[in-house]
Amino acid sequence: MRTERPRARRYSVVATVELTDLQSEASIHVRTRDLSLYGCCVEAQKSFSTGTKVRVKIGHRSASFVALGRVSYAQAEGEMGIVFTRIDPKDQLILEKWIEELRHN
């Protein structure tokens, strides 16, 4: 099994996430373990399979971020890697602000 390597430094952060499978519209609520400009790692009791296309909604510090993504890996322990595939400009600014704050913590 090939897993994708992070393209950017990941920062440890705990935030609430709603992942929605774009095909079935099934949703799960999870928490982030870490976050980067290109994706995140989440902890879930139930996970989507590798390759699933998802809508990612992250709530952190009274702001929310939305992107489209894909599950890059899913482990039996409930850890999933999500790579962001499309981010609107306003959401990109929110993500960049969060990353900048995490860099200085």
N, C-alpha and C. Protein backbone atom coordinates (compact mmCIF):
# COMPACT_ATOMS: atom_id res chain seq x y z
N MET A 1 0.84 -1.16 0.00
CA MET A 1 0.00 0.00 0.00
C MET A 1 0.90 1.24 0.00
N ARG A 2 0.63 2.18 -0.86
CA ARG A 2 1.40 3.41 -0.97
C ARG A 2 0.65 4.53 -0.25
N THR A 3 1.34 5.20 0.65
CA THR A 3 0.73 6.35 1.31
C THR A 3 1.43 7.61 0.83
N GLU A 4 0.69 8.69 0.79
CA GLU A 4 1.25 9.95 0.35
C GLU A 4 1.99 10.62 1.49
N ARG A 5 3.13 11.21 1.18
CA ARG A 5 3.92 11.94 2.16
C ARG A 5 3.40 13.37 2.21
N PRO A 6 3.40 13.97 3.40
CA PRO A 6 3.00 15.37 3.50
C PRO A 6 3.90 16.27 2.65
N ARG A 7 3.30 17.25 1.97
CA ARG A 7 4.05 18.19 1.14
C ARG A 7 4.51 19.40 1.93
N ALA A 8 3.93 19.61 3.10
CA ALA A 8 4.27 20.77 3.91
C ALA A 8 4.30 20.35 5.37
N ARG A 9 4.95 21.15 6.19
CA ARG A 9 5.00 20.86 7.61
C ARG A 9 3.59 20.80 8.17
N ARG A 10 3.37 19.80 9.01
CA ARG A 10 2.08 19.65 9.68
C ARG A 10 2.20 20.16 11.10
N TYR A 11 1.14 20.82 11.56
CA TYR A 11 1.11 21.40 12.90
C TYR A 11 0.05 20.71 13.73
N SER A 12 0.44 20.35 14.94
CA SER A 12 -0.49 19.69 15.85
C SER A 12 -1.59 20.67 16.25
N VAL A 13 -2.83 20.25 16.05
CA VAL A 13 -3.98 21.07 16.42
C VAL A 13 -5.19 20.15 16.61
N VAL A 14 -6.01 20.47 17.60
CA VAL A 14 -7.25 19.73 17.80
C VAL A 14 -8.39 20.65 17.40
N ALA A 15 -9.16 20.21 16.41
CA ALA A 15 -10.31 20.98 15.92
C ALA A 15 -11.39 19.99 15.52
N THR A 16 -12.63 20.45 15.53
CA THR A 16 -13.73 19.59 15.10
C THR A 16 -13.83 19.60 13.58
N VAL A 17 -14.15 18.44 13.03
CA VAL A 17 -14.22 18.28 11.57
C VAL A 17 -15.47 17.49 11.22
N GLU A 18 -16.15 17.93 10.17
CA GLU A 18 -17.23 17.15 9.58
C GLU A 18 -16.74 16.72 8.20
N LEU A 19 -16.69 15.41 7.99
CA LEU A 19 -16.33 14.87 6.68
C LEU A 19 -17.58 14.29 6.04
N THR A 20 -17.85 14.69 4.80
CA THR A 20 -19.02 14.19 4.08
C THR A 20 -18.55 13.52 2.81
N ASP A 21 -18.93 12.25 2.64
CA ASP A 21 -18.65 11.51 1.42
C ASP A 21 -19.46 12.16 0.29
N LEU A 22 -18.79 12.63 -0.75
CA LEU A 22 -19.49 13.34 -1.83
C LEU A 22 -20.41 12.43 -2.64
N GLN A 23 -20.14 11.14 -2.66
CA GLN A 23 -21.00 10.23 -3.42
C GLN A 23 -22.24 9.81 -2.63
N SER A 24 -22.05 9.37 -1.41
CA SER A 24 -23.19 8.85 -0.63
C SER A 24 -23.84 9.91 0.27
N GLU A 25 -23.16 11.04 0.48
CA GLU A 25 -23.60 12.10 1.40
C GLU A 25 -23.56 11.67 2.86
N ALA A 26 -22.93 10.52 3.16
CA ALA A 26 -22.76 10.10 4.55
C ALA A 26 -21.76 11.03 5.23
N SER A 27 -22.07 11.42 6.47
CA SER A 27 -21.20 12.33 7.22
C SER A 27 -20.70 11.66 8.48
N ILE A 28 -19.48 12.03 8.86
CA ILE A 28 -18.94 11.61 10.16
C ILE A 28 -18.30 12.84 10.80
N HIS A 29 -18.31 12.85 12.12
CA HIS A 29 -17.69 13.94 12.88
C HIS A 29 -16.43 13.37 13.52
N VAL A 30 -15.32 14.06 13.31
CA VAL A 30 -14.02 13.60 13.77
C VAL A 30 -13.25 14.78 14.36
N ARG A 31 -12.02 14.51 14.81
CA ARG A 31 -11.13 15.57 15.31
C ARG A 31 -9.82 15.51 14.56
N THR A 32 -9.23 16.68 14.36
CA THR A 32 -7.92 16.71 13.72
C THR A 32 -6.85 16.31 14.71
N ARG A 33 -5.78 15.75 14.18
CA ARG A 33 -4.55 15.55 14.94
C ARG A 33 -3.54 16.59 14.51
N ASP A 34 -3.50 16.84 13.19
CA ASP A 34 -2.60 17.85 12.67
C ASP A 34 -3.17 18.44 11.39
N LEU A 35 -2.56 19.56 10.98
CA LEU A 35 -3.07 20.34 9.86
C LEU A 35 -1.90 20.94 9.10
N SER A 36 -2.03 20.99 7.77
CA SER A 36 -1.03 21.67 6.94
C SER A 36 -1.77 22.44 5.85
N LEU A 37 -1.03 23.13 5.02
CA LEU A 37 -1.64 23.86 3.90
C LEU A 37 -2.26 22.93 2.87
N TYR A 38 -1.88 21.65 2.89
CA TYR A 38 -2.33 20.71 1.86
C TYR A 38 -3.24 19.60 2.36
N GLY A 39 -3.43 19.51 3.68
CA GLY A 39 -4.28 18.44 4.18
C GLY A 39 -4.26 18.36 5.69
N CYS A 40 -4.85 17.27 6.19
CA CYS A 40 -4.90 17.08 7.64
C CYS A 40 -4.96 15.59 7.95
N CYS A 41 -4.68 15.29 9.20
CA CYS A 41 -4.82 13.94 9.71
C CYS A 41 -5.93 14.00 10.75
N VAL A 42 -6.86 13.05 10.70
CA VAL A 42 -7.98 13.05 11.64
C VAL A 42 -8.07 11.72 12.36
N GLU A 43 -8.69 11.75 13.53
CA GLU A 43 -8.97 10.55 14.31
C GLU A 43 -10.46 10.30 14.27
N ALA A 44 -10.83 9.08 13.90
CA ALA A 44 -12.26 8.76 13.77
C ALA A 44 -12.51 7.34 14.25
N GLN A 45 -13.69 7.11 14.81
CA GLN A 45 -14.06 5.75 15.19
C GLN A 45 -14.47 4.96 13.95
N LYS A 46 -15.04 5.66 12.97
CA LYS A 46 -15.42 5.05 11.70
C LYS A 46 -14.72 5.86 10.61
N SER A 47 -14.14 5.18 9.64
CA SER A 47 -13.42 5.92 8.61
C SER A 47 -13.97 5.59 7.22
N PHE A 48 -13.68 6.49 6.30
CA PHE A 48 -13.98 6.27 4.89
C PHE A 48 -12.80 5.54 4.27
N SER A 49 -13.02 4.84 3.19
CA SER A 49 -11.93 4.10 2.55
C SER A 49 -11.02 5.04 1.75
N THR A 50 -9.82 4.58 1.54
CA THR A 50 -8.84 5.32 0.75
C THR A 50 -9.42 5.66 -0.62
N GLY A 51 -9.25 6.90 -1.03
CA GLY A 51 -9.75 7.35 -2.33
C GLY A 51 -11.10 8.03 -2.28
N THR A 52 -11.81 7.93 -1.16
CA THR A 52 -13.13 8.56 -1.04
C THR A 52 -13.00 10.07 -1.17
N LYS A 53 -13.83 10.66 -2.02
CA LYS A 53 -13.85 12.12 -2.18
C LYS A 53 -14.78 12.68 -1.11
N VAL A 54 -14.28 13.71 -0.41
CA VAL A 54 -15.01 14.24 0.74
C VAL A 54 -15.08 15.76 0.72
N ARG A 55 -16.10 16.28 1.42
CA ARG A 55 -16.16 17.70 1.76
C ARG A 55 -15.66 17.79 3.18
N VAL A 56 -14.74 18.68 3.44
CA VAL A 56 -14.12 18.84 4.74
C VAL A 56 -14.57 20.18 5.34
N LYS A 57 -15.15 20.14 6.53
CA LYS A 57 -15.52 21.37 7.24
C LYS A 57 -14.81 21.33 8.58
N ILE A 58 -13.91 22.29 8.80
CA ILE A 58 -13.15 22.36 10.05
C ILE A 58 -13.57 23.60 10.80
N GLY A 59 -13.89 23.42 12.08
CA GLY A 59 -14.21 24.54 12.95
C GLY A 59 -13.08 24.71 13.95
N HIS A 60 -12.53 25.94 14.03
CA HIS A 60 -11.42 26.21 14.94
C HIS A 60 -11.41 27.69 15.27
N ARG A 61 -11.33 28.02 16.55
CA ARG A 61 -11.24 29.41 17.00
C ARG A 61 -12.32 30.31 16.40
N SER A 62 -13.54 29.90 16.51
CA SER A 62 -14.72 30.63 16.04
C SER A 62 -14.72 30.94 14.55
N ALA A 63 -13.95 30.21 13.77
CA ALA A 63 -13.96 30.33 12.31
C ALA A 63 -14.17 28.94 11.73
N SER A 64 -14.60 28.90 10.47
CA SER A 64 -14.74 27.61 9.82
C SER A 64 -14.11 27.66 8.44
N PHE A 65 -13.62 26.51 8.03
CA PHE A 65 -12.90 26.32 6.78
C PHE A 65 -13.57 25.17 6.04
N VAL A 66 -13.78 25.34 4.74
CA VAL A 66 -14.41 24.29 3.93
C VAL A 66 -13.53 24.03 2.71
N ALA A 67 -13.35 22.75 2.38
CA ALA A 67 -12.57 22.37 1.21
C ALA A 67 -13.10 21.04 0.69
N LEU A 68 -12.75 20.73 -0.55
CA LEU A 68 -12.96 19.39 -1.07
C LEU A 68 -11.65 18.65 -0.87
N GLY A 69 -11.76 17.36 -0.67
CA GLY A 69 -10.55 16.58 -0.44
C GLY A 69 -10.75 15.12 -0.82
N ARG A 70 -9.70 14.36 -0.53
CA ARG A 70 -9.70 12.93 -0.82
C ARG A 70 -8.99 12.22 0.32
N VAL A 71 -9.52 11.06 0.72
CA VAL A 71 -8.87 10.26 1.75
C VAL A 71 -7.62 9.64 1.13
N SER A 72 -6.45 10.05 1.64
CA SER A 72 -5.21 9.52 1.07
C SER A 72 -4.79 8.21 1.73
N TYR A 73 -5.21 8.01 3.00
CA TYR A 73 -5.00 6.73 3.66
C TYR A 73 -6.00 6.60 4.81
N ALA A 74 -6.32 5.38 5.14
CA ALA A 74 -7.20 5.08 6.27
C ALA A 74 -6.65 3.87 6.99
N GLN A 75 -6.40 4.01 8.29
CA GLN A 75 -5.86 2.92 9.08
C GLN A 75 -6.95 2.30 9.94
N ALA A 76 -6.78 1.05 10.26
CA ALA A 76 -7.77 0.33 11.06
C ALA A 76 -7.99 0.97 12.42
N GLU A 77 -6.98 1.65 12.97
CA GLU A 77 -7.10 2.28 14.28
C GLU A 77 -7.97 3.52 14.24
N GLY A 78 -8.41 3.95 13.04
CA GLY A 78 -9.29 5.11 12.94
C GLY A 78 -8.61 6.38 12.49
N GLU A 79 -7.34 6.31 12.13
CA GLU A 79 -6.64 7.49 11.63
C GLU A 79 -6.82 7.57 10.12
N MET A 80 -7.14 8.79 9.64
CA MET A 80 -7.27 9.02 8.20
C MET A 80 -6.46 10.24 7.81
N GLY A 81 -5.83 10.16 6.66
CA GLY A 81 -5.15 11.31 6.08
C GLY A 81 -6.05 11.89 4.99
N ILE A 82 -6.23 13.19 5.02
CA ILE A 82 -7.06 13.86 4.02
C ILE A 82 -6.18 14.85 3.27
N VAL A 83 -6.18 14.77 1.95
CA VAL A 83 -5.47 15.74 1.14
C VAL A 83 -6.53 16.68 0.55
N PHE A 84 -6.28 18.00 0.67
CA PHE A 84 -7.21 18.97 0.11
C PHE A 84 -7.02 19.03 -1.40
N THR A 85 -8.13 18.98 -2.15
CA THR A 85 -8.04 19.01 -3.61
C THR A 85 -8.58 20.31 -4.20
N ARG A 86 -9.45 20.99 -3.45
CA ARG A 86 -9.99 22.28 -3.93
C ARG A 86 -10.39 23.13 -2.74
N ILE A 87 -9.84 24.36 -2.73
CA ILE A 87 -10.13 25.30 -1.65
C ILE A 87 -10.49 26.63 -2.28
N ASP A 88 -11.64 27.18 -1.91
CA ASP A 88 -12.02 28.51 -2.39
C ASP A 88 -11.08 29.55 -1.78
N PRO A 89 -10.86 30.68 -2.46
CA PRO A 89 -9.92 31.69 -1.97
C PRO A 89 -10.19 32.18 -0.54
N LYS A 90 -11.46 32.39 -0.16
CA LYS A 90 -11.74 32.87 1.20
C LYS A 90 -11.37 31.82 2.24
N ASP A 91 -11.57 30.55 1.91
CA ASP A 91 -11.20 29.47 2.83
C ASP A 91 -9.68 29.30 2.87
N GLN A 92 -9.01 29.54 1.75
CA GLN A 92 -7.55 29.47 1.72
C GLN A 92 -6.96 30.50 2.69
N LEU A 93 -7.55 31.69 2.73
CA LEU A 93 -7.07 32.73 3.65
C LEU A 93 -7.25 32.30 5.11
N ILE A 94 -8.36 31.67 5.42
CA ILE A 94 -8.61 31.18 6.79
C ILE A 94 -7.56 30.14 7.15
N LEU A 95 -7.31 29.18 6.25
CA LEU A 95 -6.32 28.14 6.49
C LEU A 95 -4.93 28.74 6.70
N GLU A 96 -4.55 29.67 5.85
CA GLU A 96 -3.24 30.30 5.98
C GLU A 96 -3.10 31.06 7.30
N LYS A 97 -4.17 31.71 7.75
CA LYS A 97 -4.15 32.40 9.04
C LYS A 97 -3.94 31.41 10.18
N TRP A 98 -4.68 30.29 10.15
CA TRP A 98 -4.51 29.27 11.19
C TRP A 98 -3.08 28.74 11.21
N ILE A 99 -2.52 28.43 10.03
CA ILE A 99 -1.16 27.89 9.95
C ILE A 99 -0.17 28.91 10.51
N GLU A 100 -0.35 30.17 10.17
CA GLU A 100 0.54 31.21 10.67
C GLU A 100 0.47 31.28 12.20
N GLU A 101 -0.72 31.19 12.77
CA GLU A 101 -0.86 31.19 14.23
C GLU A 101 -0.20 29.97 14.85
N LEU A 102 -0.36 28.80 14.22
CA LEU A 102 0.25 27.57 14.75
C LEU A 102 1.76 27.61 14.67
N ARG A 103 2.31 28.27 13.65
CA ARG A 103 3.78 28.39 13.53
C ARG A 103 4.37 29.13 14.72
N HIS A 104 3.63 30.08 15.27
CA HIS A 104 4.14 30.91 16.34
C HIS A 104 3.78 30.42 17.74
N ASN A 105 3.13 29.29 17.84
CA ASN A 105 2.78 28.72 19.15
C ASN A 105 3.83 27.75 19.62
